[in-house]
Amino acid sequence: MAGIGLVAAAAVAPFASAQMYSGNTVYKVMRSNGTPQVVVANRTPGERLTMTYPNATSARRVTANACGLVVLRDSASNALTSLVSVDGATIDQMALPTQLLPRCVNSNLEEARASNFKTGAGEVVVVKTPNTVYEAVYAGGRTRNVTANACGFVAINGTSTVPWEDTANQAFELGGTAYNVTTLPEASLEPLCRSGQLYTPASW
């Protein structure tokens, strides 16, 4: 996309400001596939940055036991307070009745359970099809580490786990500052780094 209209900077440090677009150190360019690439300029080569997506969700695979119960427990990586849904169905924990978790013996529950419930021990139990895998979705945001290249800027694309197309991922924080992909200034071309050499669009 940015193969034409570029000029080379003789050295990176004296030309650091050339990485900026219209005075902005964080901006975007649109890739040929129609998705944005976020550029974070004027960083130290090799610098590690942490991006936070406060509205993003994460998913984990959960399996119903032989009696059809998906038993969800609190953990450091998946807090039950952040549970959103299982198999696409929203889980309203406040509305769930509190019941005992019956034993599953020979694929039969000692006491029947027809609908979702929670236990006194703090578990959330979802009634599904026995021995079937489902997706549980949790809120609470995500973090992602990125690294500045040899020219001192970061080019950030969406990934399969954090796609820009998902509106929940478009708001992000970097260095304590909040941004949104949809409102970032848009450059027609991006800077490039080839073998440690910085190339910037001639139009800049």
C-alpha atoms as a PDB file:
ATOM      1  CA  MET A   1       0.000   0.000   0.000  1.00  0.00           C
ATOM      2  CA  ALA A   2       2.796   2.402   0.930  1.00  0.00           C
ATOM      3  CA  GLY A   3       5.301   1.425  -1.753  1.00  0.00           C
ATOM      4  CA  ILE A   4       5.311   4.817  -3.513  1.00  0.00           C
ATOM      5  CA  GLY A   5       5.763   8.423  -2.488  1.00  0.00           C
ATOM      6  CA  LEU A   6       8.262   7.627   0.270  1.00  0.00           C
ATOM      7  CA  VAL A   7      11.455   9.377   1.232  1.00  0.00           C
ATOM      8  CA  ALA A   8      14.230   7.885   3.309  1.00  0.00           C
ATOM      9  CA  ALA A   9      15.526   9.439   6.502  1.00  0.00           C
ATOM     10  CA  ALA A  10      19.298   9.219   6.772  1.00  0.00           C
ATOM     11  CA  ALA A  11      19.165   8.338  10.460  1.00  0.00           C
ATOM     12  CA  VAL A  12      16.359   7.526  12.829  1.00  0.00           C
ATOM     13  CA  ALA A  13      16.915   9.771  15.849  1.00  0.00           C
ATOM     14  CA  PRO A  14      17.191  13.204  14.120  1.00  0.00           C
ATOM     15  CA  PHE A  15      14.070  12.409  12.059  1.00  0.00           C
ATOM     16  CA  ALA A  16      11.894  11.022  14.853  1.00  0.00           C
ATOM     17  CA  SER A  17       9.253  13.714  14.294  1.00  0.00           C
ATOM     18  CA  ALA A  18       8.862  12.489  10.708  1.00  0.00           C
ATOM     19  CA  GLN A  19       7.066   9.451  12.094  1.00  0.00           C
ATOM     20  CA  MET A  20       4.262  11.723  13.296  1.00  0.00           C
ATOM     21  CA  TYR A  21       1.265  12.548  11.138  1.00  0.00           C
ATOM     22  CA  SER A  22       0.000  16.146  11.324  1.00  0.00           C
ATOM     23  CA  GLY A  23       1.484  16.443  14.818  1.00  0.00           C
ATOM     24  CA  ASN A  24      -0.099  13.196  16.051  1.00  0.00           C
ATOM     25  CA  THR A  25       1.969  10.404  17.582  1.00  0.00           C
ATOM     26  CA  VAL A  26      -0.999   7.987  17.434  1.00  0.00           C
ATOM     27  CA  TYR A  27      -2.929   7.716  14.173  1.00  0.00           C
ATOM     28  CA  LYS A  28      -4.217   5.113  11.731  1.00  0.00           C
ATOM     29  CA  VAL A  29      -3.913   4.069   8.120  1.00  0.00           C
ATOM     30  CA  MET A  30      -6.374   1.880   6.240  1.00  0.00           C
ATOM     31  CA  ARG A  31      -4.952  -1.371   4.906  1.00  0.00           C
ATOM     32  CA  SER A  32      -5.819  -2.786   1.491  1.00  0.00           C
ATOM     33  CA  ASN A  33      -8.169  -5.300   3.144  1.00  0.00           C
ATOM     34  CA  GLY A  34     -10.233  -2.448   4.582  1.00  0.00           C
ATOM     35  CA  THR A  35      -9.057  -2.806   8.187  1.00  0.00           C
ATOM     36  CA  PRO A  36      -7.156  -0.115  10.097  1.00  0.00           C
ATOM     37  CA  GLN A  37      -3.571  -0.264  11.238  1.00  0.00           C
ATOM     38  CA  VAL A  38      -2.773   1.875  14.274  1.00  0.00           C
ATOM     39  CA  VAL A  39       0.630   3.586  14.318  1.00  0.00           C
ATOM     40  CA  VAL A  40       2.277   4.710  17.562  1.00  0.00           C
ATOM     41  CA  ALA A  41       5.219   6.965  16.719  1.00  0.00           C
ATOM     42  CA  ASN A  42       8.266   8.417  18.480  1.00  0.00           C
ATOM     43  CA  ARG A  43       9.041   5.500  20.778  1.00  0.00           C
ATOM     44  CA  THR A  44      12.400   3.994  21.685  1.00  0.00           C
ATOM     45  CA  PRO A  45      13.433   1.117  19.396  1.00  0.00           C
ATOM     46  CA  GLY A  46      12.645  -2.163  21.149  1.00  0.00           C
ATOM     47  CA  GLU A  47      10.395  -0.459  23.717  1.00  0.00           C
ATOM     48  CA  ARG A  48       7.622  -2.666  25.067  1.00  0.00           C
ATOM     49  CA  LEU A  49       4.173  -1.089  25.384  1.00  0.00           C
ATOM     50  CA  THR A  50       1.011  -2.476  26.950  1.00  0.00           C
ATOM     51  CA  MET A  51      -2.320  -1.747  25.292  1.00  0.00           C
ATOM     52  CA  THR A  52      -5.487  -2.130  27.331  1.00  0.00           C
ATOM     53  CA  TYR A  53      -8.886  -2.789  25.771  1.00  0.00           C
ATOM     54  CA  PRO A  54     -11.306  -1.941  28.623  1.00  0.00           C
ATOM     55  CA  ASN A  55     -14.457  -2.993  26.757  1.00  0.00           C
ATOM     56  CA  ALA A  56     -13.129  -6.192  25.246  1.00  0.00           C
ATOM     57  CA  THR A  57     -14.350  -9.650  26.177  1.00  0.00           C
ATOM     58  CA  SER A  58     -12.524 -12.965  26.365  1.00  0.00           C
ATOM     59  CA  ALA A  59     -13.826 -16.476  25.816  1.00  0.00           C
ATOM     60  CA  ARG A  60     -12.983 -19.900  27.213  1.00  0.00           C
ATOM     61  CA  ARG A  61     -14.182 -23.359  26.331  1.00  0.00           C
ATOM     62  CA  VAL A  62     -16.266 -25.121  28.970  1.00  0.00           C
ATOM     63  CA  THR A  63     -17.663 -28.657  28.929  1.00  0.00           C
ATOM     64  CA  ALA A  64     -20.922 -29.980  30.312  1.00  0.00           C
ATOM     65  CA  ASN A  65     -20.463 -33.088  32.466  1.00  0.00           C
ATOM     66  CA  ALA A  66     -22.121 -36.433  31.818  1.00  0.00           C
ATOM     67  CA  CYS A  67     -25.284 -35.115  33.457  1.00  0.00           C
ATOM     68  CA  GLY A  68     -25.390 -31.952  31.356  1.00  0.00           C
ATOM     69  CA  LEU A  69     -24.158 -29.438  33.916  1.00  0.00           C
ATOM     70  CA  VAL A  70     -21.577 -26.769  33.107  1.00  0.00           C
ATOM     71  CA  VAL A  71     -20.115 -25.819  36.497  1.00  0.00           C
ATOM     72  CA  LEU A  72     -18.316 -22.465  36.486  1.00  0.00           C
ATOM     73  CA  ARG A  73     -16.107 -21.437  39.387  1.00  0.00           C
ATOM     74  CA  ASP A  74     -14.243 -18.245  40.201  1.00  0.00           C
ATOM     75  CA  SER A  75     -10.592 -18.092  39.148  1.00  0.00           C
ATOM     76  CA  ALA A  76      -7.815 -15.550  38.836  1.00  0.00           C
ATOM     77  CA  SER A  77      -8.070 -15.551  35.047  1.00  0.00           C
ATOM     78  CA  ASN A  78     -11.879 -15.781  34.793  1.00  0.00           C
ATOM     79  CA  ALA A  79     -13.768 -13.974  37.546  1.00  0.00           C
ATOM     80  CA  LEU A  80     -17.388 -15.087  37.820  1.00  0.00           C
ATOM     81  CA  THR A  81     -18.422 -11.484  38.388  1.00  0.00           C
ATOM     82  CA  SER A  82     -17.339 -10.870  34.775  1.00  0.00           C
ATOM     83  CA  LEU A  83     -19.317 -13.775  33.275  1.00  0.00           C
ATOM     84  CA  VAL A  84     -21.472 -12.508  30.390  1.00  0.00           C
ATOM     85  CA  SER A  85     -22.861 -15.531  28.584  1.00  0.00           C
ATOM     86  CA  VAL A  86     -22.616 -19.260  27.889  1.00  0.00           C
ATOM     87  CA  ASP A  87     -23.347 -20.581  24.405  1.00  0.00           C
ATOM     88  CA  GLY A  88     -24.566 -17.115  23.428  1.00  0.00           C
ATOM     89  CA  ALA A  89     -27.196 -16.931  26.194  1.00  0.00           C
ATOM     90  CA  THR A  90     -26.783 -14.096  28.721  1.00  0.00           C
ATOM     91  CA  ILE A  91     -26.319 -15.227  32.314  1.00  0.00           C
ATOM     92  CA  ASP A  92     -28.026 -12.963  34.891  1.00  0.00           C
ATOM     93  CA  GLN A  93     -26.479 -14.225  38.120  1.00  0.00           C
ATOM     94  CA  MET A  94     -28.641 -12.010  40.320  1.00  0.00           C
ATOM     95  CA  ALA A  95     -31.757 -13.734  38.964  1.00  0.00           C
ATOM     96  CA  LEU A  96     -30.478 -17.294  39.430  1.00  0.00           C
ATOM     97  CA  PRO A  97     -31.956 -19.369  42.286  1.00  0.00           C
ATOM     98  CA  THR A  98     -29.541 -20.768  44.857  1.00  0.00           C
ATOM     99  CA  GLN A  99     -29.609 -24.569  44.943  1.00  0.00           C
ATOM    100  CA  LEU A 100     -27.436 -27.492  45.946  1.00  0.00           C
ATOM    101  CA  LEU A 101     -25.159 -28.986  43.301  1.00  0.00           C
ATOM    102  CA  PRO A 102     -26.357 -32.593  42.975  1.00  0.00           C
ATOM    103  CA  ARG A 103     -23.923 -35.420  42.363  1.00  0.00           C
ATOM    104  CA  CYS A 104     -23.740 -36.945  38.904  1.00  0.00           C
ATOM    105  CA  VAL A 105     -23.880 -40.740  39.259  1.00  0.00           C
ATOM    106  CA  ASN A 106     -23.820 -42.958  36.178  1.00  0.00           C
ATOM    107  CA  SER A 107     -24.833 -39.996  34.001  1.00  0.00           C
ATOM    108  CA  ASN A 108     -27.823 -39.232  36.218  1.00  0.00           C
ATOM    109  CA  LEU A 109     -28.283 -36.408  38.703  1.00  0.00           C
ATOM    110  CA  GLU A 110     -29.255 -37.417  42.203  1.00  0.00           C
ATOM    111  CA  GLU A 111     -31.688 -34.524  42.073  1.00  0.00           C
ATOM    112  CA  ALA A 112     -33.024 -33.171  38.792  1.00  0.00           C
ATOM    113  CA  ARG A 113     -32.153 -29.672  37.615  1.00  0.00           C
ATOM    114  CA  ALA A 114     -34.179 -28.205  34.755  1.00  0.00           C
ATOM    115  CA  SER A 115     -32.717 -24.693  34.621  1.00  0.00           C
ATOM    116  CA  ASN A 116     -29.621 -22.692  35.482  1.00  0.00           C
ATOM    117  CA  PHE A 117     -28.796 -21.988  39.128  1.00  0.00           C
ATOM    118  CA  LYS A 118     -26.036 -20.901  41.488  1.00  0.00           C
ATOM    119  CA  THR A 119     -24.741 -22.650  44.582  1.00  0.00           C
ATOM    120  CA  GLY A 120     -24.014 -21.479  48.091  1.00  0.00           C
ATOM    121  CA  ALA A 121     -20.313 -22.030  47.341  1.00  0.00           C
ATOM    122  CA  GLY A 122     -20.450 -19.360  44.646  1.00  0.00           C
ATOM    123  CA  GLU A 123     -20.566 -21.600  41.571  1.00  0.00           C
ATOM    124  CA  VAL A 124     -22.713 -20.833  38.536  1.00  0.00           C
ATOM    125  CA  VAL A 125     -24.281 -23.932  37.003  1.00  0.00           C
ATOM    126  CA  VAL A 126     -25.674 -23.941  33.473  1.00  0.00           C
ATOM    127  CA  VAL A 127     -27.893 -26.784  32.274  1.00  0.00           C
ATOM    128  CA  LYS A 128     -26.869 -27.918  28.793  1.00  0.00           C
ATOM    129  CA  THR A 129     -26.365 -31.090  26.705  1.00  0.00           C
ATOM    130  CA  PRO A 130     -24.164 -33.754  28.379  1.00  0.00           C
ATOM    131  CA  ASN A 131     -20.511 -34.015  27.300  1.00  0.00           C
ATOM    132  CA  THR A 132     -20.739 -31.001  24.988  1.00  0.00           C
ATOM    133  CA  VAL A 133     -18.258 -28.123  24.686  1.00  0.00           C
ATOM    134  CA  TYR A 134     -19.539 -24.540  24.854  1.00  0.00           C
ATOM    135  CA  GLU A 135     -18.076 -21.029  24.882  1.00  0.00           C
ATOM    136  CA  ALA A 136     -18.257 -18.923  28.025  1.00  0.00           C
ATOM    137  CA  VAL A 137     -17.706 -15.186  27.481  1.00  0.00           C
ATOM    138  CA  TYR A 138     -16.270 -12.888  30.150  1.00  0.00           C
ATOM    139  CA  ALA A 139     -16.073  -9.095  30.296  1.00  0.00           C
ATOM    140  CA  GLY A 140     -13.329  -7.216  32.099  1.00  0.00           C
ATOM    141  CA  GLY A 141     -11.118  -6.143  29.221  1.00  0.00           C
ATOM    142  CA  ARG A 142      -7.940  -7.496  27.680  1.00  0.00           C
ATOM    143  CA  THR A 143      -4.304  -6.425  27.503  1.00  0.00           C
ATOM    144  CA  ARG A 144      -1.835  -6.801  24.659  1.00  0.00           C
ATOM    145  CA  ASN A 145       1.912  -6.206  24.546  1.00  0.00           C
ATOM    146  CA  VAL A 146       3.453  -4.558  21.478  1.00  0.00           C
ATOM    147  CA  THR A 147       7.059  -3.641  20.664  1.00  0.00           C
ATOM    148  CA  ALA A 148       8.497  -0.634  18.851  1.00  0.00           C
ATOM    149  CA  ASN A 149      10.489  -1.562  15.756  1.00  0.00           C
ATOM    150  CA  ALA A 150      14.079  -0.600  14.949  1.00  0.00           C
ATOM    151  CA  CYS A 151      12.901   2.791  13.677  1.00  0.00           C
ATOM    152  CA  GLY A 152      11.058   3.591  16.898  1.00  0.00           C
ATOM    153  CA  PHE A 153       7.411   3.208  15.958  1.00  0.00           C
ATOM    154  CA  VAL A 154       4.773   0.500  16.425  1.00  0.00           C
ATOM    155  CA  ALA A 155       2.410  -0.631  13.650  1.00  0.00           C
ATOM    156  CA  ILE A 156      -0.543  -2.424  15.257  1.00  0.00           C
ATOM    157  CA  ASN A 157      -2.935  -4.613  13.297  1.00  0.00           C
ATOM    158  CA  GLY A 158      -5.994  -6.390  14.583  1.00  0.00           C
ATOM    159  CA  THR A 159      -5.621 -10.059  15.500  1.00  0.00           C
ATOM    160  CA  SER A 160      -7.940 -13.062  15.641  1.00  0.00           C
ATOM    161  CA  THR A 161      -8.290 -12.565  19.402  1.00  0.00           C
ATOM    162  CA  VAL A 162      -8.521  -8.750  19.298  1.00  0.00           C
ATOM    163  CA  PRO A 163     -10.078  -7.847  15.915  1.00  0.00           C
ATOM    164  CA  TRP A 164     -10.624  -4.167  15.181  1.00  0.00           C
ATOM    165  CA  GLU A 165     -13.940  -5.087  13.518  1.00  0.00           C
ATOM    166  CA  ASP A 166     -15.377  -5.854  16.972  1.00  0.00           C
ATOM    167  CA  THR A 167     -16.603  -2.516  18.353  1.00  0.00           C
ATOM    168  CA  ALA A 168     -15.660  -3.670  21.873  1.00  0.00           C
ATOM    169  CA  ASN A 169     -11.990  -3.556  20.802  1.00  0.00           C
ATOM    170  CA  GLN A 170     -11.990  -0.125  19.181  1.00  0.00           C
ATOM    171  CA  ALA A 171     -11.511   1.752  22.458  1.00  0.00           C
ATOM    172  CA  PHE A 172      -8.026   1.271  23.874  1.00  0.00           C
ATOM    173  CA  GLU A 173      -5.646   2.848  26.361  1.00  0.00           C
ATOM    174  CA  LEU A 174      -1.936   3.369  25.911  1.00  0.00           C
ATOM    175  CA  GLY A 175       0.316   4.962  28.510  1.00  0.00           C
ATOM    176  CA  GLY A 176      -2.702   6.146  30.498  1.00  0.00           C
ATOM    177  CA  THR A 177      -4.286   7.912  27.506  1.00  0.00           C
ATOM    178  CA  ALA A 178      -7.579   6.731  25.997  1.00  0.00           C
ATOM    179  CA  TYR A 179      -8.031   6.407  22.228  1.00  0.00           C
ATOM    180  CA  ASN A 180     -10.653   5.056  19.849  1.00  0.00           C
ATOM    181  CA  VAL A 181      -9.790   3.571  16.475  1.00  0.00           C
ATOM    182  CA  THR A 182     -12.834   5.186  14.849  1.00  0.00           C
ATOM    183  CA  THR A 183     -11.783   8.728  15.811  1.00  0.00           C
ATOM    184  CA  LEU A 184      -8.011   8.528  15.239  1.00  0.00           C
ATOM    185  CA  PRO A 185      -6.650  10.848  12.543  1.00  0.00           C
ATOM    186  CA  GLU A 186      -6.209   8.908   9.312  1.00  0.00           C
ATOM    187  CA  ALA A 187      -3.053   9.132   7.213  1.00  0.00           C
ATOM    188  CA  SER A 188      -3.185   8.082   3.565  1.00  0.00           C
ATOM    189  CA  LEU A 189       0.204   6.363   3.819  1.00  0.00           C
ATOM    190  CA  GLU A 190       2.234   5.047   6.748  1.00  0.00           C
ATOM    191  CA  PRO A 191       5.944   5.243   7.616  1.00  0.00           C
ATOM    192  CA  LEU A 192       7.936   2.119   6.843  1.00  0.00           C
ATOM    193  CA  CYS A 193      10.958   0.560   8.501  1.00  0.00           C
ATOM    194  CA  ARG A 194      13.255  -1.504   6.265  1.00  0.00           C
ATOM    195  CA  SER A 195      16.479  -2.896   7.750  1.00  0.00           C
ATOM    196  CA  GLY A 196      16.445  -0.180  10.390  1.00  0.00           C
ATOM    197  CA  GLN A 197      15.966   2.578   7.805  1.00  0.00           C
ATOM    198  CA  LEU A 198      12.992   4.909   8.260  1.00  0.00           C
ATOM    199  CA  TYR A 199      10.954   5.824   5.182  1.00  0.00           C
ATOM    200  CA  THR A 200       8.222   8.441   5.436  1.00  0.00           C
ATOM    201  CA  PRO A 201       5.618   9.529   2.859  1.00  0.00           C
ATOM    202  CA  ALA A 202       6.878  12.394   0.686  1.00  0.00           C
ATOM    203  CA  SER A 203       3.527  14.151   1.206  1.00  0.00           C
ATOM    204  CA  TRP A 204       4.326  14.606   4.910  1.00  0.00           C
END
